[in-house]
Protein backbone atom coordinates (compact mmCIF):
# COMPACT_ATOMS: atom_id res chain seq x y z
CA MET A 1 39.91 -9.55 56.08
CA ASP A 2 42.94 -9.56 53.68
CA PRO A 3 42.80 -12.80 51.61
CA ALA A 4 46.61 -13.14 52.16
CA ASP A 5 45.95 -13.86 55.69
CA ASN A 6 44.33 -17.36 54.53
CA ALA A 7 47.04 -19.64 54.53
CA THR A 8 46.21 -23.08 53.28
CA PRO A 9 46.74 -25.54 56.46
CA CYS A 10 49.84 -27.66 56.23
CA PRO A 11 48.73 -31.21 55.34
CA GLU A 12 50.95 -32.66 58.20
CA CYS A 13 50.65 -30.30 60.96
CA GLY A 14 47.70 -28.16 60.18
CA ALA A 15 49.51 -25.18 61.01
CA ALA A 16 48.31 -22.06 58.90
CA PRO A 17 50.59 -18.97 60.10
CA ALA A 18 48.96 -15.60 59.50
CA GLY A 19 49.89 -13.41 56.39
CA GLY A 20 49.48 -16.44 54.02
CA GLU A 21 52.92 -17.72 54.96
CA SER A 22 53.23 -21.69 54.88
CA CYS A 23 54.58 -23.66 57.95
CA GLU A 24 57.83 -24.26 56.25
CA GLU A 25 58.40 -20.59 55.44
CA ARG A 26 57.58 -19.93 59.16
CA TYR A 27 60.07 -22.63 60.22
CA HIS A 28 62.86 -21.04 58.02
CA ARG A 29 61.77 -17.52 59.52
CA CYS A 30 62.36 -18.91 62.72
CA LEU A 31 65.63 -20.44 61.90
CA ALA A 32 66.99 -16.96 60.66
CA LEU A 33 66.21 -15.26 63.66
CA GLU A 34 67.86 -18.02 65.76
CA TYR A 35 71.31 -17.63 63.61
CA GLU A 36 70.89 -14.14 63.51
CA ASP A 37 70.23 -13.74 67.42
CA TRP A 38 71.98 -16.98 68.71
CA ALA A 39 72.04 -15.42 72.38
CA GLY A 40 68.52 -14.28 72.20
CA TYR A 41 66.42 -16.48 69.63
CA GLY A 42 68.57 -19.41 69.10
CA ALA A 43 68.79 -20.28 72.67
CA VAL A 44 65.93 -22.68 71.81
CA HIS A 45 67.27 -23.85 68.71
CA ASN A 46 67.77 -27.35 70.16
CA LEU A 47 63.77 -27.12 70.66
CA THR A 48 62.45 -25.60 67.32
CA VAL A 49 64.11 -28.27 65.10
CA PRO A 50 62.90 -31.30 66.58
CA ALA A 51 59.41 -29.90 67.58
CA TYR A 52 59.02 -28.86 63.68
CA MET A 53 60.27 -31.97 62.40
CA LEU A 54 58.21 -34.13 64.89
CA GLN A 55 55.21 -32.55 63.52
CA HIS A 56 56.34 -33.31 59.99
CA PRO A 57 56.98 -37.02 60.26
CA SER A 58 57.44 -37.71 56.40
CA ARG A 59 60.79 -36.19 56.67
CA TYR A 60 62.11 -38.78 59.00
CA SER A 61 62.20 -42.68 59.06
CA ARG A 62 60.62 -44.16 61.91
CA GLU A 63 63.73 -44.63 63.92
CA GLY A 64 64.66 -41.12 62.95
CA TRP A 65 61.54 -39.73 64.42
CA LEU A 66 61.46 -41.92 67.37
CA GLU A 67 65.06 -40.60 68.14
CA SER A 68 64.35 -36.93 67.54
CA ARG A 69 61.51 -37.42 70.24
CA ARG A 70 63.93 -38.88 72.53
CA LEU A 71 66.26 -35.90 71.76
CA LEU A 72 63.23 -33.41 72.40
CA VAL A 73 62.36 -34.98 75.57
CA ALA A 74 66.18 -34.79 76.94
CA PHE A 75 66.31 -31.16 75.96
CA LEU A 76 63.13 -30.39 77.64
CA ALA A 77 64.51 -32.06 80.73
CA GLY A 78 67.32 -29.66 80.79
CA GLU A 79 70.10 -31.61 79.25
CA SER A 80 72.40 -29.79 77.17
CA PRO A 81 72.97 -30.46 73.38
CA ALA A 82 76.58 -31.03 73.99
CA ALA A 83 75.84 -33.54 76.84
CA VAL A 84 73.23 -35.43 74.89
CA LYS A 85 75.86 -35.53 71.92
CA LYS A 86 78.41 -36.90 73.91
CA GLN A 87 76.12 -39.52 75.80
CA ASN A 88 75.03 -41.00 72.50
CA ARG A 89 77.68 -40.27 70.28
CA ALA A 90 78.31 -43.92 69.62
CA ARG A 91 74.90 -44.99 69.28
CA LEU A 92 73.86 -42.26 66.82
CA ASP A 93 76.87 -42.15 64.74
CA SER A 94 75.77 -42.58 61.08
CA GLY A 95 78.66 -44.86 60.19
CA SER A 96 77.66 -47.65 62.49
CA ARG A 97 74.09 -47.29 63.40
CA PRO A 98 71.87 -49.76 61.25
CA TRP A 99 69.28 -47.15 60.13
CA ARG A 100 69.08 -43.72 58.66
CA MET A 101 67.48 -40.47 59.67
CA ALA A 102 65.26 -39.87 56.65
CA ARG A 103 65.22 -43.45 54.65
CA GLY A 104 63.27 -46.08 55.74
CA GLU A 105 59.79 -47.11 57.01
CA ARG A 106 57.77 -43.81 58.26
CA ILE A 107 56.07 -43.64 61.52
CA SER A 108 52.18 -43.00 61.32
CA PRO A 109 50.17 -40.74 63.31
CA PRO A 110 47.48 -42.41 65.49
CA ALA A 111 43.93 -42.02 63.68
CA GLY A 112 42.63 -38.75 64.49
CA ALA A 113 45.79 -37.23 65.80
CA THR A 114 45.90 -33.41 66.12
CA TRP A 115 48.38 -31.28 67.27
CA SER A 116 47.66 -28.81 70.25
CA ARG A 117 50.27 -26.32 69.29
CA THR A 118 52.13 -25.64 65.94
CA ILE A 119 54.88 -23.51 64.89
CA ALA A 120 52.02 -20.96 63.88
CA ASP A 121 51.48 -20.48 67.83
CA VAL A 122 55.01 -19.24 68.08
CA ARG A 123 55.28 -15.28 68.20
CA LEU A 124 58.50 -13.60 66.55
CA ASP A 125 58.03 -10.31 68.97
CA ASP A 126 61.05 -10.54 70.72
CA PRO A 127 63.73 -13.13 72.15
CA ALA A 128 61.92 -13.82 75.73
CA THR A 129 58.42 -14.27 73.87
CA TYR A 130 59.73 -16.35 71.35
CA CYS A 131 61.80 -18.83 73.55
CA ALA A 132 58.83 -19.17 76.10
CA ASP A 133 56.55 -20.03 73.11
CA VAL A 134 59.03 -22.59 71.52
CA VAL A 135 59.13 -24.13 74.90
CA GLU A 136 55.43 -24.41 75.39
CA TRP A 137 55.30 -25.90 71.71
CA ALA A 138 58.12 -28.42 72.26
CA ARG A 139 56.22 -29.69 75.52
CA ALA A 140 53.04 -29.63 73.43
CA VAL A 141 54.64 -31.86 70.95
CA VAL A 142 55.83 -34.29 73.45
CA ALA A 143 52.41 -34.43 75.24
CA ASP A 144 50.72 -35.09 71.69
CA THR A 145 52.91 -37.80 70.77
CA GLU A 146 52.43 -39.66 73.77
CA ALA A 147 49.82 -41.94 72.35
CA TRP A 148 51.94 -42.61 69.30
CA GLU A 149 53.83 -45.65 69.19
CA THR A 150 57.32 -44.68 70.67
CA ARG A 151 58.79 -48.33 71.40
CA GLN A 152 61.61 -49.17 68.73
CA PRO A 153 60.31 -52.27 67.12
CA GLU A 154 62.03 -55.52 68.53
């Protein structure tokens, strides 16, 4: 076994992609594929970003994390990014909402929370395989976070 294959697991999501790649490096590789082939790999961009970010809750405020999860659920239900943007334009306008995506209180995973799928499980072989894997990963993220406190604070 090549020592380069032993990646250090990510402290937030536990992913340890093959080849010594970090999960963040894998994420950027996925984004590069999506932007290079928008019609193929990019078809699931609206799932890739929130799935990754939800598994790295230190990057979002609690409210930002909850909103990202709501968006991922809507996208998995078949709503288009354009429709979601139109429906939520006033509520999500950064100039009028009372919270920020990245600043503020963080959400904490429940004790013992684990991820059933991570970005390390997404195969990059071809657009069809990639898109199917991203959809399954996004579904797993939603299922894995069902037990998290997903209500907005009163």
